[in-house]
């Protein structure tokens, strides 16, 4: 059963990342609100131009911030929602 939940979560993460990329390509400023599965810290993330995920979380001094490849990101984070520069949540349907 855990395997099925993992597949569902990966599809959701893939959908969020795909939508975030699409919105960025359209010139919209979008970030992902995320939660670290290990530390339970909340933060924000965005897709970089080279298809990595930059995550800002934890301490204000930046020591907890990092850039991950997509697979590492999916292993360590869950995406809670996409938000725009006005803190409005994107409610578009995912594939």
N, C-alpha and C. Protein backbone atom coordinates (compact mmCIF):
# COMPACT_ATOMS: atom_id res chain seq x y z
N UNK A 1 0.82 -1.20 0.00
CA UNK A 1 0.00 0.00 0.00
C UNK A 1 0.86 1.26 0.00
N UNK A 2 2.00 1.23 0.73
CA UNK A 2 2.88 2.39 0.73
C UNK A 2 3.38 2.74 -0.65
N UNK A 3 3.58 1.72 -1.48
CA UNK A 3 4.05 1.94 -2.84
C UNK A 3 3.03 2.74 -3.64
N UNK A 4 1.75 2.39 -3.50
CA UNK A 4 0.70 3.12 -4.21
C UNK A 4 0.64 4.58 -3.76
N UNK A 5 0.74 4.82 -2.44
CA UNK A 5 0.73 6.19 -1.95
C UNK A 5 1.91 6.96 -2.51
N UNK A 6 3.07 6.32 -2.59
CA UNK A 6 4.25 6.97 -3.14
C UNK A 6 4.02 7.36 -4.60
N UNK A 7 3.41 6.46 -5.38
CA UNK A 7 3.14 6.78 -6.78
C UNK A 7 2.18 7.95 -6.90
N UNK A 8 1.15 7.98 -6.05
CA UNK A 8 0.19 9.09 -6.08
C UNK A 8 0.90 10.39 -5.74
N UNK A 9 1.75 10.38 -4.69
CA UNK A 9 2.47 11.58 -4.31
C UNK A 9 3.42 12.03 -5.40
N UNK A 10 4.12 11.09 -6.06
CA UNK A 10 5.03 11.46 -7.15
C UNK A 10 4.27 12.08 -8.31
N UNK A 11 3.11 11.53 -8.65
CA UNK A 11 2.31 12.12 -9.73
C UNK A 11 1.91 13.54 -9.37
N UNK A 12 1.50 13.76 -8.14
CA UNK A 12 1.11 15.08 -7.70
C UNK A 12 2.29 16.04 -7.76
N UNK A 13 3.45 15.60 -7.26
CA UNK A 13 4.64 16.43 -7.30
C UNK A 13 5.02 16.74 -8.74
N UNK A 14 4.98 15.73 -9.60
CA UNK A 14 5.29 15.96 -11.01
C UNK A 14 4.33 16.96 -11.62
N UNK A 15 3.05 16.88 -11.27
CA UNK A 15 2.05 17.82 -11.80
C UNK A 15 2.32 19.23 -11.31
N UNK A 16 2.64 19.38 -10.03
CA UNK A 16 2.97 20.70 -9.49
C UNK A 16 4.18 21.29 -10.19
N UNK A 17 5.22 20.49 -10.35
CA UNK A 17 6.45 20.97 -10.99
C UNK A 17 6.17 21.35 -12.44
N UNK A 18 5.42 20.53 -13.14
CA UNK A 18 5.08 20.82 -14.54
C UNK A 18 4.30 22.13 -14.65
N UNK A 19 3.33 22.32 -13.76
CA UNK A 19 2.54 23.56 -13.79
C UNK A 19 3.41 24.76 -13.43
N UNK A 20 4.28 24.61 -12.44
CA UNK A 20 5.17 25.72 -12.07
C UNK A 20 6.06 26.12 -13.24
N UNK A 21 6.61 25.13 -13.94
CA UNK A 21 7.45 25.42 -15.12
C UNK A 21 6.64 26.15 -16.19
N UNK A 22 5.43 25.67 -16.44
CA UNK A 22 4.56 26.28 -17.46
C UNK A 22 4.26 27.74 -17.11
N UNK A 23 3.92 28.00 -15.86
CA UNK A 23 3.61 29.36 -15.44
C UNK A 23 4.83 30.26 -15.52
N UNK A 24 6.00 29.75 -15.15
CA UNK A 24 7.24 30.52 -15.26
C UNK A 24 7.54 30.87 -16.72
N UNK A 25 7.33 29.91 -17.63
CA UNK A 25 7.55 30.15 -19.05
C UNK A 25 6.61 31.22 -19.59
N UNK A 26 5.42 31.34 -18.97
CA UNK A 26 4.45 32.37 -19.36
C UNK A 26 4.78 33.72 -18.72
N UNK A 27 5.88 33.78 -17.96
CA UNK A 27 6.30 35.04 -17.34
C UNK A 27 5.65 35.32 -16.00
N UNK A 28 5.02 34.32 -15.41
CA UNK A 28 4.37 34.51 -14.12
C UNK A 28 5.34 34.12 -13.01
N UNK A 29 5.30 34.88 -11.93
CA UNK A 29 6.15 34.61 -10.78
C UNK A 29 5.42 33.64 -9.87
N UNK A 30 5.94 32.43 -9.74
CA UNK A 30 5.27 31.39 -8.96
C UNK A 30 6.27 30.67 -8.07
N UNK A 31 5.83 30.35 -6.86
CA UNK A 31 6.64 29.55 -5.95
C UNK A 31 5.79 28.40 -5.42
N UNK A 32 6.47 27.39 -4.92
CA UNK A 32 5.80 26.24 -4.33
C UNK A 32 5.98 26.32 -2.82
N UNK A 33 4.88 26.20 -2.08
CA UNK A 33 4.99 26.09 -0.64
C UNK A 33 5.28 24.62 -0.34
N UNK A 34 6.36 24.35 0.40
CA UNK A 34 6.82 22.97 0.60
C UNK A 34 6.99 22.65 2.08
N UNK A 35 7.05 21.33 2.36
CA UNK A 35 7.34 20.84 3.70
C UNK A 35 8.39 19.74 3.58
N UNK A 36 9.45 19.87 4.35
CA UNK A 36 10.51 18.88 4.38
C UNK A 36 10.00 17.65 5.11
N UNK A 37 10.05 16.50 4.46
CA UNK A 37 9.53 15.26 5.04
C UNK A 37 10.34 14.81 6.26
N UNK A 38 11.61 15.17 6.32
CA UNK A 38 12.49 14.72 7.41
C UNK A 38 12.47 15.67 8.60
N UNK A 39 12.65 16.96 8.34
CA UNK A 39 12.76 17.94 9.42
C UNK A 39 11.42 18.56 9.79
N UNK A 40 10.43 18.39 8.93
CA UNK A 40 9.09 18.98 9.10
C UNK A 40 9.10 20.50 8.99
N UNK A 41 10.21 21.08 8.48
CA UNK A 41 10.28 22.52 8.27
C UNK A 41 9.48 22.89 7.03
N UNK A 42 8.85 24.07 7.08
CA UNK A 42 8.13 24.60 5.93
C UNK A 42 9.03 25.60 5.22
N UNK A 43 8.80 25.75 3.92
CA UNK A 43 9.57 26.70 3.16
C UNK A 43 8.93 26.95 1.81
N UNK A 44 9.68 27.60 0.95
CA UNK A 44 9.23 27.84 -0.42
C UNK A 44 10.29 27.32 -1.38
N UNK A 45 9.85 26.99 -2.58
CA UNK A 45 10.76 26.46 -3.58
C UNK A 45 10.36 26.98 -4.95
N UNK A 46 11.30 26.95 -5.86
CA UNK A 46 10.99 27.30 -7.24
C UNK A 46 11.88 26.49 -8.18
N UNK A 47 11.40 26.35 -9.39
CA UNK A 47 12.13 25.62 -10.42
C UNK A 47 13.16 26.57 -11.02
N UNK A 48 14.41 26.11 -11.10
CA UNK A 48 15.47 26.94 -11.68
C UNK A 48 15.50 26.75 -13.20
N UNK A 49 16.16 27.65 -13.91
CA UNK A 49 16.24 27.51 -15.37
C UNK A 49 16.89 26.21 -15.84
N UNK A 50 17.73 25.59 -15.00
CA UNK A 50 18.39 24.34 -15.40
C UNK A 50 17.68 23.11 -14.83
N UNK A 51 16.37 23.24 -14.58
CA UNK A 51 15.51 22.13 -14.13
C UNK A 51 15.91 21.54 -12.79
N UNK A 52 16.35 22.36 -11.89
CA UNK A 52 16.59 21.95 -10.51
C UNK A 52 15.57 22.68 -9.65
N UNK A 53 15.52 22.32 -8.37
CA UNK A 53 14.57 22.95 -7.47
C UNK A 53 15.36 23.66 -6.36
N UNK A 54 15.19 24.97 -6.26
CA UNK A 54 15.81 25.75 -5.20
C UNK A 54 14.82 25.81 -4.04
N UNK A 55 15.30 25.49 -2.84
CA UNK A 55 14.44 25.46 -1.65
C UNK A 55 15.00 26.41 -0.60
N UNK A 56 14.12 27.26 -0.09
CA UNK A 56 14.45 28.17 1.01
C UNK A 56 13.61 27.75 2.20
N UNK A 57 14.29 27.32 3.26
CA UNK A 57 13.57 26.85 4.44
C UNK A 57 14.41 27.09 5.68
N UNK A 58 13.77 27.02 6.83
CA UNK A 58 14.50 27.05 8.09
C UNK A 58 15.06 28.40 8.46
N UNK A 59 16.31 28.40 8.87
CA UNK A 59 16.95 29.59 9.42
C UNK A 59 17.07 30.73 8.40
N UNK A 60 17.00 31.95 8.93
CA UNK A 60 17.10 33.13 8.08
C UNK A 60 18.49 33.36 7.50
N UNK A 61 19.51 32.69 8.07
CA UNK A 61 20.87 32.90 7.58
C UNK A 61 21.17 32.10 6.32
N UNK A 62 20.21 31.30 5.85
CA UNK A 62 20.38 30.56 4.59
C UNK A 62 21.08 29.22 4.74
N UNK A 63 21.45 28.82 5.93
CA UNK A 63 22.17 27.55 6.11
C UNK A 63 21.33 26.33 5.78
N UNK A 64 19.99 26.46 5.81
CA UNK A 64 19.12 25.33 5.49
C UNK A 64 18.70 25.31 4.02
N UNK A 65 19.03 26.35 3.29
CA UNK A 65 18.63 26.46 1.89
C UNK A 65 19.50 25.57 1.01
N UNK A 66 18.92 25.07 -0.07
CA UNK A 66 19.68 24.18 -0.95
C UNK A 66 19.04 24.11 -2.32
N UNK A 67 19.79 23.57 -3.26
CA UNK A 67 19.29 23.30 -4.61
C UNK A 67 19.39 21.80 -4.84
N UNK A 68 18.30 21.22 -5.31
CA UNK A 68 18.21 19.77 -5.51
C UNK A 68 17.88 19.44 -6.95
N UNK A 69 18.30 18.24 -7.40
CA UNK A 69 17.75 17.77 -8.66
C UNK A 69 16.33 17.31 -8.34
N UNK A 70 15.52 17.11 -9.35
CA UNK A 70 14.11 16.83 -9.14
C UNK A 70 13.89 15.55 -8.34
N UNK A 71 14.68 14.51 -8.59
CA UNK A 71 14.51 13.25 -7.85
C UNK A 71 14.81 13.43 -6.36
N UNK A 72 15.89 14.14 -6.04
CA UNK A 72 16.22 14.41 -4.63
C UNK A 72 15.10 15.21 -3.96
N UNK A 73 14.60 16.20 -4.69
CA UNK A 73 13.52 17.02 -4.16
C UNK A 73 12.29 16.17 -3.84
N UNK A 74 11.91 15.29 -4.78
CA UNK A 74 10.73 14.46 -4.58
C UNK A 74 10.89 13.51 -3.39
N UNK A 75 12.11 13.05 -3.13
CA UNK A 75 12.36 12.16 -2.00
C UNK A 75 12.22 12.88 -0.67
N UNK A 76 12.54 14.18 -0.63
CA UNK A 76 12.65 14.89 0.63
C UNK A 76 11.56 15.91 0.93
N UNK A 77 10.73 16.24 -0.05
CA UNK A 77 9.74 17.31 0.16
C UNK A 77 8.37 16.90 -0.34
N UNK A 78 7.37 17.53 0.26
CA UNK A 78 6.03 17.46 -0.30
C UNK A 78 5.64 18.88 -0.66
N UNK A 79 4.90 19.02 -1.75
CA UNK A 79 4.44 20.34 -2.18
C UNK A 79 3.03 20.53 -1.64
N UNK A 80 2.84 21.64 -0.94
CA UNK A 80 1.53 21.92 -0.35
C UNK A 80 0.64 22.70 -1.30
N UNK A 81 1.24 23.68 -2.00
CA UNK A 81 0.47 24.46 -2.97
C UNK A 81 1.40 25.34 -3.78
N UNK A 82 0.88 25.86 -4.89
CA UNK A 82 1.58 26.85 -5.69
C UNK A 82 0.98 28.21 -5.37
N UNK A 83 1.83 29.21 -5.23
CA UNK A 83 1.34 30.55 -4.97
C UNK A 83 2.02 31.54 -5.91
N UNK A 84 1.31 32.63 -6.21
CA UNK A 84 1.90 33.65 -7.07
C UNK A 84 2.48 34.78 -6.24
N UNK A 85 2.97 35.80 -6.90
CA UNK A 85 3.65 36.90 -6.20
C UNK A 85 2.71 37.68 -5.28
N UNK A 86 1.41 37.49 -5.42
CA UNK A 86 0.43 38.17 -4.57
C UNK A 86 -0.08 37.24 -3.47
N UNK A 87 0.61 36.11 -3.25
CA UNK A 87 0.23 35.09 -2.27
C UNK A 87 -1.13 34.47 -2.57
N UNK A 88 -1.51 34.48 -3.83
CA UNK A 88 -2.75 33.82 -4.25
C UNK A 88 -2.40 32.41 -4.69
N UNK A 89 -3.22 31.46 -4.30
CA UNK A 89 -2.99 30.07 -4.64
C UNK A 89 -3.49 29.78 -6.05
N UNK A 90 -2.70 29.05 -6.81
CA UNK A 90 -3.13 28.62 -8.14
C UNK A 90 -4.10 27.46 -7.98
N UNK A 91 -5.22 27.56 -8.65
CA UNK A 91 -6.24 26.53 -8.52
C UNK A 91 -6.50 25.84 -9.85
N UNK A 92 -5.51 25.86 -10.75
CA UNK A 92 -5.66 25.22 -12.04
C UNK A 92 -5.67 23.70 -11.85
N UNK A 93 -6.36 23.01 -12.74
CA UNK A 93 -6.40 21.56 -12.66
C UNK A 93 -5.08 20.97 -13.11
N UNK A 94 -4.71 19.89 -12.45
CA UNK A 94 -3.50 19.18 -12.80
C UNK A 94 -3.86 18.02 -13.72
N UNK A 95 -2.89 17.64 -14.55
CA UNK A 95 -3.11 16.50 -15.46
C UNK A 95 -3.05 15.21 -14.71
